[in-house]
Amino acid sequence: MATYTELNVEQYATFSTTIIAKNSSEETINVSGYSANSSIRKSYYSTTANNFTATVTGTSNGQITLSMSAANTALLDPGRYFYDVLITSGDGDKTRIAEGIVNVLAGVTQS
């Protein structure tokens, strides 16, 4: 079961956070040889998505870093979105490790 985590993304600012991959027993997953993907959608049924850059940053301790450049956060309208994080093993097995709400907070300064 995926861990529920709520994220706050500030519009026009660089975003980065680290998530720890855990199995259903709450044990950290060794993510050596894994890749990660993460999308943001306005609803579960939206056909358009924005993506976090999802990078495996700590293999033995299950660290996955989600990031988005300031140029990409500028493309997001303020509001509430859904996201999840999917990891894929070298064998092609896919596991959803995190999910939740992304609150995009409106920015004023755009430079």
N, C-alpha and C. Protein backbone atom coordinates (compact mmCIF):
# COMPACT_ATOMS: atom_id res chain seq x y z
N MET A 1 0.83 -1.17 0.00
CA MET A 1 0.00 0.00 0.00
C MET A 1 0.88 1.24 0.00
N ALA A 2 0.54 2.20 -0.82
CA ALA A 2 1.31 3.43 -0.95
C ALA A 2 1.15 4.31 0.29
N THR A 3 2.22 4.99 0.65
CA THR A 3 2.21 5.94 1.76
C THR A 3 1.53 7.22 1.30
N TYR A 4 0.62 7.76 2.12
CA TYR A 4 -0.06 9.01 1.80
C TYR A 4 0.78 10.16 2.34
N THR A 5 1.12 11.11 1.47
CA THR A 5 1.88 12.29 1.85
C THR A 5 1.32 13.49 1.11
N GLU A 6 1.04 14.56 1.83
CA GLU A 6 0.56 15.79 1.22
C GLU A 6 1.76 16.69 0.94
N LEU A 7 1.82 17.27 -0.26
CA LEU A 7 2.93 18.13 -0.67
C LEU A 7 2.44 19.54 -0.95
N ASN A 8 3.27 20.53 -0.65
CA ASN A 8 3.00 21.92 -0.99
C ASN A 8 4.05 22.38 -1.99
N VAL A 9 3.60 22.84 -3.14
CA VAL A 9 4.47 23.35 -4.18
C VAL A 9 4.18 24.84 -4.36
N GLU A 10 5.21 25.65 -4.25
CA GLU A 10 5.04 27.09 -4.43
C GLU A 10 5.23 27.44 -5.90
N GLN A 11 4.23 28.08 -6.47
CA GLN A 11 4.28 28.50 -7.87
C GLN A 11 5.47 29.45 -8.06
N TYR A 12 6.20 29.33 -9.15
CA TYR A 12 7.37 30.13 -9.55
C TYR A 12 8.63 29.83 -8.73
N ALA A 13 8.61 28.82 -7.87
CA ALA A 13 9.77 28.48 -7.06
C ALA A 13 10.22 27.05 -7.38
N THR A 14 11.49 26.77 -7.20
CA THR A 14 12.02 25.43 -7.37
C THR A 14 11.50 24.54 -6.24
N PHE A 15 11.10 23.32 -6.58
CA PHE A 15 10.55 22.39 -5.59
C PHE A 15 11.41 21.14 -5.53
N SER A 16 11.61 20.62 -4.32
CA SER A 16 12.32 19.36 -4.13
C SER A 16 11.91 18.75 -2.79
N THR A 17 11.68 17.45 -2.79
CA THR A 17 11.40 16.72 -1.56
C THR A 17 11.87 15.28 -1.73
N THR A 18 12.13 14.61 -0.63
CA THR A 18 12.59 13.22 -0.67
C THR A 18 11.55 12.33 -0.01
N ILE A 19 11.26 11.22 -0.68
CA ILE A 19 10.31 10.22 -0.18
C ILE A 19 11.09 8.93 0.04
N ILE A 20 10.76 8.20 1.08
CA ILE A 20 11.42 6.92 1.37
C ILE A 20 10.49 5.79 0.92
N ALA A 21 11.00 4.91 0.05
CA ALA A 21 10.22 3.77 -0.44
C ALA A 21 10.14 2.70 0.65
N LYS A 22 8.90 2.31 0.99
CA LYS A 22 8.69 1.28 2.00
C LYS A 22 7.70 0.25 1.48
N ASN A 23 7.84 -0.98 1.97
CA ASN A 23 6.90 -2.04 1.58
C ASN A 23 5.70 -2.04 2.53
N SER A 24 4.80 -2.99 2.38
CA SER A 24 3.57 -3.03 3.18
C SER A 24 3.86 -3.27 4.67
N SER A 25 5.05 -3.76 4.99
CA SER A 25 5.44 -3.97 6.39
C SER A 25 6.18 -2.76 6.96
N GLU A 26 6.18 -1.65 6.21
CA GLU A 26 6.85 -0.41 6.60
C GLU A 26 8.38 -0.55 6.67
N GLU A 27 8.93 -1.55 5.95
CA GLU A 27 10.38 -1.71 5.86
C GLU A 27 10.87 -0.99 4.62
N THR A 28 12.04 -0.33 4.74
CA THR A 28 12.61 0.40 3.62
C THR A 28 12.98 -0.56 2.50
N ILE A 29 12.66 -0.17 1.27
CA ILE A 29 12.97 -0.98 0.09
C ILE A 29 14.33 -0.57 -0.46
N ASN A 30 15.19 -1.54 -0.74
CA ASN A 30 16.44 -1.25 -1.43
C ASN A 30 16.08 -1.04 -2.90
N VAL A 31 16.29 0.17 -3.40
CA VAL A 31 15.85 0.53 -4.75
C VAL A 31 17.01 0.52 -5.76
N SER A 32 18.02 -0.25 -5.47
CA SER A 32 19.13 -0.40 -6.42
C SER A 32 18.60 -1.04 -7.70
N GLY A 33 18.87 -0.41 -8.84
CA GLY A 33 18.39 -0.92 -10.12
C GLY A 33 16.97 -0.49 -10.45
N TYR A 34 16.36 0.33 -9.64
CA TYR A 34 15.00 0.81 -9.88
C TYR A 34 15.03 2.16 -10.59
N SER A 35 13.93 2.46 -11.28
CA SER A 35 13.69 3.81 -11.80
C SER A 35 12.41 4.30 -11.15
N ALA A 36 12.17 5.62 -11.24
CA ALA A 36 10.98 6.19 -10.60
C ALA A 36 10.30 7.18 -11.55
N ASN A 37 8.97 7.27 -11.43
CA ASN A 37 8.16 8.21 -12.20
C ASN A 37 7.11 8.81 -11.27
N SER A 38 6.73 10.05 -11.55
CA SER A 38 5.70 10.69 -10.75
C SER A 38 4.96 11.72 -11.58
N SER A 39 3.63 11.71 -11.49
CA SER A 39 2.80 12.65 -12.23
C SER A 39 1.87 13.39 -11.29
N ILE A 40 1.47 14.59 -11.73
CA ILE A 40 0.48 15.41 -11.04
C ILE A 40 -0.69 15.60 -12.01
N ARG A 41 -1.90 15.38 -11.50
CA ARG A 41 -3.10 15.58 -12.32
C ARG A 41 -4.15 16.31 -11.49
N LYS A 42 -4.98 17.09 -12.15
CA LYS A 42 -6.04 17.84 -11.47
C LYS A 42 -7.08 16.88 -10.90
N SER A 43 -7.33 15.78 -11.57
CA SER A 43 -8.21 14.73 -11.04
C SER A 43 -7.64 13.39 -11.50
N TYR A 44 -8.16 12.33 -10.92
CA TYR A 44 -7.71 10.99 -11.31
C TYR A 44 -8.00 10.70 -12.77
N TYR A 45 -8.98 11.41 -13.34
CA TYR A 45 -9.43 11.15 -14.69
C TYR A 45 -8.89 12.13 -15.72
N SER A 46 -8.06 13.09 -15.30
CA SER A 46 -7.49 14.07 -16.22
C SER A 46 -6.63 13.40 -17.27
N THR A 47 -6.75 13.86 -18.50
CA THR A 47 -5.92 13.31 -19.57
C THR A 47 -4.59 14.04 -19.68
N THR A 48 -4.47 15.21 -19.07
CA THR A 48 -3.21 15.93 -19.09
C THR A 48 -2.55 15.84 -17.72
N ALA A 49 -1.22 15.82 -17.73
CA ALA A 49 -0.47 15.69 -16.48
C ALA A 49 0.78 16.56 -16.55
N ASN A 50 1.23 16.95 -15.39
CA ASN A 50 2.56 17.54 -15.22
C ASN A 50 3.37 16.51 -14.46
N ASN A 51 4.66 16.51 -14.69
CA ASN A 51 5.49 15.49 -14.05
C ASN A 51 6.53 16.09 -13.12
N PHE A 52 6.70 15.42 -11.98
CA PHE A 52 7.88 15.68 -11.16
C PHE A 52 9.04 14.96 -11.83
N THR A 53 10.24 15.47 -11.68
CA THR A 53 11.43 14.68 -12.00
C THR A 53 11.63 13.77 -10.79
N ALA A 54 11.56 12.47 -11.00
CA ALA A 54 11.69 11.49 -9.92
C ALA A 54 13.01 10.76 -10.10
N THR A 55 13.88 10.87 -9.10
CA THR A 55 15.24 10.33 -9.19
C THR A 55 15.53 9.45 -7.98
N VAL A 56 16.09 8.27 -8.23
CA VAL A 56 16.55 7.42 -7.13
C VAL A 56 17.84 8.05 -6.62
N THR A 57 17.83 8.52 -5.36
CA THR A 57 18.99 9.22 -4.82
C THR A 57 19.69 8.47 -3.70
N GLY A 58 19.08 7.43 -3.19
CA GLY A 58 19.69 6.63 -2.14
C GLY A 58 19.21 5.21 -2.27
N THR A 59 20.02 4.35 -2.87
CA THR A 59 19.54 3.00 -3.20
C THR A 59 19.27 2.13 -1.98
N SER A 60 20.21 2.04 -1.04
CA SER A 60 20.02 1.13 0.09
C SER A 60 19.00 1.66 1.09
N ASN A 61 18.81 2.98 1.15
CA ASN A 61 17.84 3.53 2.11
C ASN A 61 16.54 3.97 1.45
N GLY A 62 16.30 3.59 0.20
CA GLY A 62 15.03 3.80 -0.47
C GLY A 62 14.67 5.23 -0.82
N GLN A 63 15.66 6.10 -0.91
CA GLN A 63 15.36 7.52 -1.17
C GLN A 63 15.03 7.79 -2.63
N ILE A 64 13.88 8.43 -2.82
CA ILE A 64 13.44 8.91 -4.13
C ILE A 64 13.23 10.41 -3.98
N THR A 65 13.90 11.21 -4.83
CA THR A 65 13.74 12.65 -4.77
C THR A 65 12.82 13.10 -5.89
N LEU A 66 11.82 13.88 -5.51
CA LEU A 66 10.90 14.50 -6.47
C LEU A 66 11.29 15.96 -6.58
N SER A 67 11.39 16.45 -7.80
CA SER A 67 11.74 17.85 -7.98
C SER A 67 11.02 18.43 -9.19
N MET A 68 10.96 19.77 -9.21
CA MET A 68 10.37 20.48 -10.33
C MET A 68 11.03 21.85 -10.39
N SER A 69 11.42 22.25 -11.57
CA SER A 69 12.08 23.55 -11.74
C SER A 69 11.08 24.69 -11.54
N ALA A 70 11.60 25.88 -11.28
CA ALA A 70 10.75 27.05 -11.14
C ALA A 70 9.97 27.31 -12.43
N ALA A 71 10.60 27.06 -13.57
CA ALA A 71 9.90 27.25 -14.86
C ALA A 71 8.70 26.31 -14.96
N ASN A 72 8.82 25.10 -14.42
CA ASN A 72 7.70 24.15 -14.48
C ASN A 72 6.63 24.44 -13.43
N THR A 73 7.02 24.89 -12.23
CA THR A 73 5.99 25.23 -11.24
C THR A 73 5.19 26.45 -11.71
N ALA A 74 5.81 27.30 -12.53
CA ALA A 74 5.10 28.47 -13.08
C ALA A 74 3.97 28.05 -14.01
N LEU A 75 4.05 26.86 -14.57
CA LEU A 75 3.02 26.37 -15.49
C LEU A 75 1.80 25.80 -14.76
N LEU A 76 1.92 25.60 -13.46
CA LEU A 76 0.82 25.03 -12.67
C LEU A 76 -0.11 26.13 -12.19
N ASP A 77 -1.40 25.94 -12.37
CA ASP A 77 -2.38 26.85 -11.81
C ASP A 77 -2.51 26.56 -10.32
N PRO A 78 -2.66 27.59 -9.49
CA PRO A 78 -2.85 27.33 -8.07
C PRO A 78 -4.07 26.44 -7.84
N GLY A 79 -3.98 25.60 -6.83
CA GLY A 79 -5.09 24.71 -6.51
C GLY A 79 -4.62 23.38 -6.00
N ARG A 80 -5.54 22.44 -5.95
CA ARG A 80 -5.30 21.11 -5.42
C ARG A 80 -5.20 20.10 -6.56
N TYR A 81 -4.19 19.25 -6.49
CA TYR A 81 -3.93 18.22 -7.49
C TYR A 81 -3.73 16.88 -6.78
N PHE A 82 -3.71 15.81 -7.56
CA PHE A 82 -3.36 14.49 -7.06
C PHE A 82 -2.02 14.08 -7.66
N TYR A 83 -1.28 13.24 -6.94
CA TYR A 83 -0.01 12.72 -7.46
C TYR A 83 0.21 11.31 -6.94
N ASP A 84 1.11 10.62 -7.58
CA ASP A 84 1.62 9.38 -7.02
C ASP A 84 3.05 9.17 -7.52
N VAL A 85 3.73 8.21 -6.90
CA VAL A 85 5.10 7.88 -7.27
C VAL A 85 5.14 6.38 -7.55
N LEU A 86 5.60 6.02 -8.73
CA LEU A 86 5.68 4.63 -9.17
C LEU A 86 7.15 4.27 -9.38
N ILE A 87 7.60 3.19 -8.74
CA ILE A 87 8.96 2.71 -8.97
C ILE A 87 8.89 1.44 -9.81
N THR A 88 9.92 1.25 -10.64
CA THR A 88 9.98 0.08 -11.52
C THR A 88 11.31 -0.61 -11.29
N SER A 89 11.26 -1.91 -10.99
CA SER A 89 12.48 -2.69 -10.77
C SER A 89 13.13 -2.99 -12.11
N GLY A 90 14.37 -3.48 -12.07
CA GLY A 90 15.07 -3.88 -13.28
C GLY A 90 14.35 -4.98 -14.03
N ASP A 91 13.52 -5.77 -13.32
CA ASP A 91 12.73 -6.85 -13.94
C ASP A 91 11.41 -6.36 -14.51
N GLY A 92 11.10 -5.07 -14.30
CA GLY A 92 9.86 -4.51 -14.83
C GLY A 92 8.69 -4.51 -13.87
N ASP A 93 8.90 -5.00 -12.62
CA ASP A 93 7.83 -4.97 -11.63
C ASP A 93 7.59 -3.54 -11.17
N LYS A 94 6.33 -3.12 -11.10
CA LYS A 94 5.98 -1.75 -10.73
C LYS A 94 5.29 -1.73 -9.37
N THR A 95 5.67 -0.75 -8.55
CA THR A 95 5.11 -0.58 -7.23
C THR A 95 4.81 0.89 -6.99
N ARG A 96 3.59 1.19 -6.57
CA ARG A 96 3.25 2.57 -6.22
C ARG A 96 3.62 2.75 -4.75
N ILE A 97 4.59 3.65 -4.47
CA ILE A 97 5.10 3.80 -3.11
C ILE A 97 4.55 5.01 -2.38
N ALA A 98 4.02 5.98 -3.11
CA ALA A 98 3.50 7.19 -2.46
C ALA A 98 2.35 7.74 -3.30
N GLU A 99 1.45 8.43 -2.61
CA GLU A 99 0.33 9.08 -3.26
C GLU A 99 -0.16 10.18 -2.35
N GLY A 100 -0.94 11.08 -2.91
CA GLY A 100 -1.52 12.11 -2.07
C GLY A 100 -1.97 13.33 -2.84
N ILE A 101 -2.06 14.41 -2.12
CA ILE A 101 -2.51 15.70 -2.64
C ILE A 101 -1.30 16.60 -2.81
N VAL A 102 -1.31 17.38 -3.89
CA VAL A 102 -0.33 18.45 -4.08
C VAL A 102 -1.11 19.76 -4.03
N ASN A 103 -0.75 20.61 -3.09
CA ASN A 103 -1.32 21.95 -3.02
C ASN A 103 -0.37 22.90 -3.73
N VAL A 104 -0.81 23.48 -4.84
CA VAL A 104 0.00 24.46 -5.55
C VAL A 104 -0.39 25.83 -4.99
N LEU A 105 0.56 26.47 -4.33
CA LEU A 105 0.33 27.75 -3.68
C LEU A 105 0.67 28.88 -4.63
N ALA A 106 -0.25 29.82 -4.78
CA ALA A 106 -0.08 30.92 -5.73
C ALA A 106 1.13 31.76 -5.38
N GLY A 107 1.87 32.15 -6.43
CA GLY A 107 3.00 33.04 -6.27
C GLY A 107 2.68 34.40 -6.83
N VAL A 108 3.41 35.41 -6.37
CA VAL A 108 3.23 36.78 -6.86
C VAL A 108 4.44 37.19 -7.69
N THR A 109 5.64 37.00 -7.14
CA THR A 109 6.86 37.39 -7.84
C THR A 109 7.21 36.32 -8.85
N GLN A 110 7.31 36.72 -10.11
CA GLN A 110 7.49 35.77 -11.20
C GLN A 110 8.86 35.80 -11.82
N SER A 111 9.82 36.46 -11.23
CA SER A 111 11.15 36.53 -11.87
C SER A 111 12.15 35.69 -11.14
